[in-house]
Amino acid sequence: MKPTLLILAAGMASRYGGMKQMESFGPDGETIMDYSIYDAIRSGFGKVVFVIREDFADQFKAVFEPKLQGRVEVAYVYQHLDAHLNGYERKPERNKPWGTAHAVLCAKDVINEPFAVINADDFYGCDAFVKAYDFLTSQCSASHYAIVGYELQQTLSDHGTVNRGVCSINNQGDLVGVTERLNIASGTDVITCGDGLEPVTLQPDTMVSMNFWCFDPSVFDYSDKLFAAFLEERGHEEKSEFFIPLVADSFMRDTGGRVEVIPTTALWFGVTYKEDAPAVKEGITKLLASGAYPAGLWR
């Protein structure tokens, strides 16, 4: 059974100031998602599932349906605030989405095979998808998940600070935990964190999560139980979020599950800020010139 690619595209993009998921970066108007989908298809993935906002669905489908028809199976799910609450009564003032792990949970009814999770607005590179496919088709199980890791120095912005999940890794190459570090900035000689935590500086080759995860479908039932506990403990908070690293941490700690860290040599581009867009376009242009991608992905 071919693995599925789950793309988280329901974000509000508050710092970026618009729907960055739909911005054109390629010569034929390709979005970053187009390159991820292209890489996934040529790596062997058989289905793409988008998590989107329902009020954005028609516009979104009008862009992607013509491109992907006949190339790969496609499904859409919506991240509703009341999805998977299992009887929990949401406070009416809560209007913030429940977070990335909840977005994944919203795809429970349409994914029955091993799958990868990525952000819509990150360019991950072909090597990452090849390695994810290999893992999902040969090693992934109910007790063995994975995360694709990137070097911190390859994920920074020249136009502002970023937040990154710093991976702690054991001698076997497995994840021990992910620590969210805030306000990371690249200086002349060092990379610093302005979040008050230690260490204040981080090594350039520090492995970080860019939210590229590989899961067995058993993660859905496990996440459902965790989300119920999360709601009881923190559901009353207006801005609490149920993140994927919370699921991974509980999976490792409470079940003895293994989350392998898969290093990638792929180039990563991100558009945290509008000012990042020219650098992303330049990076894609260089990849096109090298022959890594055709000039028009879907021609």
Protein backbone atom coordinates (compact mmCIF):
# COMPACT_ATOMS: atom_id res chain seq x y z
CA MET A 1 0.00 0.00 0.00
CA LYS A 2 1.41 3.38 -1.00
CA PRO A 3 1.83 5.96 1.79
CA THR A 4 -0.15 9.19 1.98
CA LEU A 5 1.04 12.78 2.28
CA LEU A 6 -0.97 14.92 4.72
CA ILE A 7 -0.50 18.67 4.15
CA LEU A 8 -1.42 21.09 6.93
CA ALA A 9 -2.78 24.12 5.06
CA ALA A 10 -5.34 25.56 7.47
CA GLY A 11 -3.03 28.07 9.18
CA MET A 12 -3.93 31.73 9.52
CA ALA A 13 -0.45 32.97 8.51
CA SER A 14 -0.65 35.87 10.95
CA ARG A 15 3.02 36.87 10.86
CA TYR A 16 3.21 36.59 7.10
CA GLY A 17 0.15 38.75 6.58
CA GLY A 18 -1.80 36.69 4.07
CA MET A 19 -2.48 33.27 2.61
CA LYS A 20 1.15 32.40 1.94
CA GLN A 21 0.14 28.84 1.07
CA MET A 22 -1.20 30.15 -2.25
CA GLU A 23 1.64 32.46 -3.26
CA SER A 24 3.38 31.73 -6.56
CA PHE A 25 7.06 30.85 -6.47
CA GLY A 26 7.60 28.90 -9.68
CA PRO A 27 7.57 30.00 -13.34
CA ASP A 28 4.08 28.56 -13.95
CA GLY A 29 2.67 29.99 -10.73
CA GLU A 30 3.63 26.97 -8.64
CA THR A 31 3.15 27.28 -4.89
CA ILE A 32 5.50 25.70 -2.38
CA MET A 33 2.90 22.96 -1.99
CA ASP A 34 3.19 22.11 -5.67
CA TYR A 35 6.86 21.24 -5.22
CA SER A 36 6.14 19.14 -2.14
CA ILE A 37 3.39 17.25 -3.96
CA TYR A 38 5.60 16.76 -7.01
CA ASP A 39 8.40 15.38 -4.82
CA ALA A 40 5.96 13.11 -2.98
CA ILE A 41 4.50 11.68 -6.20
CA ARG A 42 7.88 10.95 -7.75
CA SER A 43 9.02 9.37 -4.46
CA GLY A 44 6.10 6.93 -4.56
CA PHE A 45 3.32 8.44 -2.44
CA GLY A 46 -0.13 7.45 -3.64
CA LYS A 47 -2.47 9.99 -2.07
CA VAL A 48 -2.46 13.62 -0.93
CA VAL A 49 -4.78 14.85 1.83
CA PHE A 50 -5.14 18.57 2.47
CA VAL A 51 -6.26 19.98 5.83
CA ILE A 52 -7.81 23.34 4.95
CA ARG A 53 -10.29 25.92 6.21
CA GLU A 54 -13.78 25.24 4.91
CA ASP A 55 -14.34 28.90 4.01
CA PHE A 56 -11.26 28.68 1.77
CA ALA A 57 -12.18 25.33 0.17
CA ASP A 58 -13.61 26.48 -3.17
CA GLN A 59 -10.69 28.76 -3.92
CA PHE A 60 -8.21 26.10 -2.84
CA LYS A 61 -9.77 23.32 -4.92
CA ALA A 62 -9.99 25.55 -7.99
CA VAL A 63 -6.20 25.89 -7.87
CA PHE A 64 -5.21 22.28 -7.18
CA GLU A 65 -7.91 20.10 -8.77
CA PRO A 66 -6.88 20.82 -12.40
CA LYS A 67 -3.21 20.20 -11.64
CA LEU A 68 -3.56 16.93 -9.74
CA GLN A 69 -6.42 15.22 -11.52
CA GLY A 70 -5.21 11.90 -12.89
CA ARG A 71 -1.82 12.23 -11.19
CA VAL A 72 -2.58 11.30 -7.58
CA GLU A 73 -5.58 10.54 -5.35
CA VAL A 74 -6.70 13.68 -3.49
CA ALA A 75 -8.88 14.24 -0.41
CA TYR A 76 -9.78 17.30 1.68
CA VAL A 77 -10.60 17.62 5.36
CA TYR A 78 -11.56 20.66 7.40
CA GLN A 79 -10.17 21.62 10.79
CA HIS A 80 -13.39 22.55 12.56
CA LEU A 81 -13.19 23.82 16.13
CA ASP A 82 -15.80 21.28 17.22
CA ALA A 83 -14.17 18.27 15.55
CA HIS A 84 -13.17 15.39 17.83
CA LEU A 85 -14.28 17.11 21.02
CA ASN A 86 -16.00 13.88 22.09
CA GLY A 87 -18.62 15.60 24.21
CA TYR A 88 -16.39 18.37 25.53
CA GLU A 89 -18.22 21.70 25.56
CA ARG A 90 -16.10 24.34 23.89
CA LYS A 91 -16.25 27.80 25.39
CA PRO A 92 -17.97 30.16 22.92
CA GLU A 93 -15.11 32.68 23.07
CA ARG A 94 -12.66 30.06 21.79
CA ASN A 95 -11.97 30.84 18.11
CA LYS A 96 -8.33 29.77 17.74
CA PRO A 97 -7.69 26.42 16.01
CA TRP A 98 -6.66 23.62 18.38
CA GLY A 99 -3.18 23.13 16.87
CA THR A 100 -1.23 20.86 14.54
CA ALA A 101 -1.98 17.55 16.29
CA HIS A 102 -5.69 18.36 16.13
CA ALA A 103 -5.30 19.13 12.42
CA VAL A 104 -3.78 15.68 11.93
CA LEU A 105 -6.60 14.12 13.94
CA CYS A 106 -9.12 15.70 11.58
CA ALA A 107 -7.81 13.37 8.83
CA LYS A 108 -8.64 10.24 10.82
CA ASP A 109 -11.51 9.14 8.58
CA VAL A 110 -9.65 9.44 5.27
CA ILE A 111 -6.23 7.88 6.03
CA ASN A 112 -5.81 4.15 6.70
CA GLU A 113 -2.19 3.71 5.66
CA PRO A 114 1.23 4.98 6.87
CA PHE A 115 1.51 8.68 6.16
CA ALA A 116 3.77 11.72 6.31
CA VAL A 117 2.77 15.12 7.68
CA ILE A 118 4.17 18.41 6.39
CA ASN A 119 3.44 22.14 6.56
CA ALA A 120 1.98 23.75 3.45
CA ASP A 121 4.35 26.71 3.57
CA ASP A 122 7.67 24.86 3.89
CA PHE A 123 9.85 23.70 0.99
CA TYR A 124 11.34 20.38 2.14
CA GLY A 125 13.29 19.08 -0.84
CA CYS A 126 13.15 15.76 -2.70
CA ASP A 127 15.61 13.87 -0.48
CA ALA A 128 13.28 14.30 2.49
CA PHE A 129 10.36 12.70 0.64
CA VAL A 130 12.49 9.82 -0.68
CA LYS A 131 13.66 9.01 2.85
CA ALA A 132 10.16 9.40 4.28
CA TYR A 133 8.78 7.02 1.63
CA ASP A 134 11.47 4.45 2.40
CA PHE A 135 10.68 4.61 6.11
CA LEU A 136 6.91 4.48 5.68
CA THR A 137 7.07 1.45 3.38
CA SER A 138 9.68 -0.58 5.25
CA GLN A 139 9.91 0.34 8.94
CA CYS A 140 6.88 2.31 10.13
CA SER A 141 4.66 0.50 12.65
CA ALA A 142 2.39 1.14 15.63
CA SER A 143 5.49 1.28 17.81
CA HIS A 144 7.89 3.02 15.42
CA TYR A 145 7.34 6.54 14.03
CA ALA A 146 9.85 9.01 12.60
CA ILE A 147 10.66 12.67 12.09
CA VAL A 148 12.76 14.18 9.31
CA GLY A 149 15.38 16.46 10.88
CA TYR A 150 17.03 19.58 9.42
CA GLU A 151 20.12 21.49 10.53
CA LEU A 152 19.16 24.68 12.35
CA GLN A 153 21.45 26.91 10.24
CA GLN A 154 19.47 25.92 7.14
CA THR A 155 16.15 27.04 8.60
CA LEU A 156 16.71 30.62 9.77
CA SER A 157 15.34 33.87 8.36
CA ASP A 158 17.30 37.01 7.54
CA HIS A 159 14.19 39.09 8.22
CA GLY A 160 13.25 38.28 11.79
CA THR A 161 13.39 35.70 14.54
CA VAL A 162 11.95 32.20 14.20
CA ASN A 163 10.71 29.54 16.58
CA ARG A 164 12.07 26.01 16.19
CA GLY A 165 11.57 22.65 17.85
CA VAL A 166 15.07 21.57 18.91
CA CYS A 167 15.46 17.79 18.84
CA SER A 168 17.22 15.86 21.59
CA ILE A 169 18.60 12.64 20.10
CA ASN A 170 20.03 9.52 21.76
CA ASN A 171 22.98 7.43 20.62
CA GLN A 172 20.70 5.20 18.55
CA GLY A 173 19.54 8.17 16.49
CA ASP A 174 16.09 8.23 18.06
CA LEU A 175 14.23 11.27 19.31
CA VAL A 176 14.23 11.83 23.06
CA GLY A 177 12.25 15.05 23.04
CA VAL A 178 11.50 18.29 21.20
CA THR A 179 12.04 21.59 23.02
CA GLU A 180 10.33 24.61 21.51
CA ARG A 181 12.86 27.44 21.40
CA LEU A 182 11.61 30.95 20.68
CA ASN A 183 13.03 34.09 19.08
CA ILE A 184 15.97 32.38 17.39
CA ALA A 185 18.19 34.81 15.50
CA SER A 186 21.24 34.36 13.32
CA GLY A 187 24.10 36.71 14.18
CA THR A 188 27.54 37.19 12.66
CA ASP A 189 29.13 34.31 14.54
CA VAL A 190 26.48 32.67 16.70
CA ILE A 191 22.83 31.63 16.72
CA THR A 192 21.03 32.99 19.75
CA CYS A 193 17.71 32.32 21.48
CA GLY A 194 15.85 35.19 23.12
CA ASP A 195 13.42 33.09 25.14
CA GLY A 196 15.18 33.15 28.53
CA LEU A 197 16.03 29.43 28.38
CA GLU A 198 19.42 27.73 28.41
CA PRO A 199 21.51 27.40 26.40
CA VAL A 200 21.34 30.93 25.06
CA THR A 201 23.34 29.97 21.96
CA LEU A 202 22.78 27.00 19.66
CA GLN A 203 25.16 25.17 17.33
CA PRO A 204 24.55 25.62 13.58
CA ASP A 205 24.17 21.85 13.07
CA THR A 206 21.59 21.46 15.85
CA MET A 207 18.87 19.14 14.55
CA VAL A 208 15.43 20.76 14.48
CA SER A 209 11.92 19.73 13.58
CA MET A 210 10.29 21.40 10.60
CA ASN A 211 7.08 19.45 11.22
CA PHE A 212 7.84 16.63 8.79
CA TRP A 213 6.58 13.53 10.61
CA CYS A 214 6.03 9.92 9.59
CA PHE A 215 3.20 8.04 11.30
CA ASP A 216 1.41 4.73 11.37
CA PRO A 217 -2.40 5.23 11.27
CA SER A 218 -2.52 3.97 14.88
CA VAL A 219 -1.52 7.52 15.80
CA PHE A 220 -5.13 8.66 15.24
CA ASP A 221 -6.70 6.62 18.06
CA TYR A 222 -3.78 7.47 20.32
CA SER A 223 -4.10 11.20 19.54
CA ASP A 224 -7.86 11.07 20.12
CA LYS A 225 -7.30 9.88 23.70
CA LEU A 226 -4.57 12.45 24.30
CA PHE A 227 -6.74 15.24 22.93
CA ALA A 228 -9.54 14.34 25.33
CA ALA A 229 -7.08 14.61 28.23
CA PHE A 230 -5.71 17.87 26.80
CA LEU A 231 -9.20 19.39 26.66
CA GLU A 232 -9.90 18.49 30.27
CA GLU A 233 -6.64 20.08 31.39
CA ARG A 234 -6.25 23.05 29.05
CA GLY A 235 -9.36 23.34 26.92
CA HIS A 236 -10.57 26.32 28.95
CA GLU A 237 -7.52 28.37 27.90
CA GLU A 238 -8.29 30.68 24.97
CA LYS A 239 -4.99 30.06 23.17
CA SER A 240 -3.98 26.55 24.24
CA GLU A 241 -2.81 24.33 21.37
CA PHE A 242 -2.49 20.58 20.91
CA PHE A 243 0.81 20.20 19.06
CA ILE A 244 2.29 17.17 17.28
CA PRO A 245 5.39 17.12 19.55
CA LEU A 246 3.05 16.63 22.53
CA VAL A 247 1.77 13.46 20.88
CA ALA A 248 5.28 12.26 20.02
CA ASP A 249 6.51 12.94 23.55
CA SER A 250 3.64 11.01 25.14
CA PHE A 251 4.08 8.20 22.61
CA MET A 252 7.72 7.79 23.63
CA ARG A 253 7.26 8.34 27.36
CA ASP A 254 4.04 6.46 28.06
CA THR A 255 4.10 3.63 25.51
CA GLY A 256 7.83 3.10 24.99
CA GLY A 257 7.35 3.90 21.32
CA ARG A 258 10.28 4.84 19.12
CA VAL A 259 10.51 8.01 17.02
CA GLU A 260 13.47 7.73 14.68
CA VAL A 261 15.22 10.91 13.52
CA ILE A 262 15.89 10.81 9.78
CA PRO A 263 18.50 13.42 8.78
CA THR A 264 18.11 14.93 5.35
CA THR A 265 20.53 16.69 3.05
CA ALA A 266 17.64 18.46 1.30
CA LEU A 267 17.50 22.21 1.03
CA TRP A 268 14.80 23.82 3.18
CA PHE A 269 13.10 27.13 2.39
CA GLY A 270 10.53 28.88 4.49
CA VAL A 271 8.33 31.95 4.24
CA THR A 272 7.78 33.07 7.79
CA TYR A 273 7.81 36.70 6.67
CA LYS A 274 6.89 38.40 3.39
CA GLU A 275 10.51 39.47 3.09
CA ASP A 276 11.53 35.79 2.88
CA ALA A 277 9.68 35.34 -0.41
CA PRO A 278 12.45 36.61 -2.77
CA ALA A 279 14.99 34.22 -1.22
CA VAL A 280 12.58 31.31 -1.67
CA LYS A 281 12.00 32.25 -5.30
CA GLU A 282 15.75 32.51 -5.84
CA GLY A 283 16.31 29.10 -4.27
CA ILE A 284 13.69 27.49 -6.48
CA THR A 285 15.12 29.23 -9.55
CA LYS A 286 18.53 27.71 -8.78
CA LEU A 287 16.99 24.25 -8.41
CA LEU A 288 15.24 24.68 -11.77
CA ALA A 289 18.50 25.74 -13.40
CA SER A 290 20.24 22.66 -12.00
CA GLY A 291 17.58 20.38 -13.46
CA ALA A 292 16.20 19.26 -10.10
CA TYR A 293 12.70 20.25 -11.28
CA PRO A 294 11.16 20.87 -14.71
CA ALA A 295 10.31 24.47 -15.61
CA GLY A 296 6.62 23.64 -15.41
CA LEU A 297 5.76 20.91 -12.91
CA TRP A 298 2.36 19.95 -14.32
CA ARG A 299 2.74 20.60 -18.05
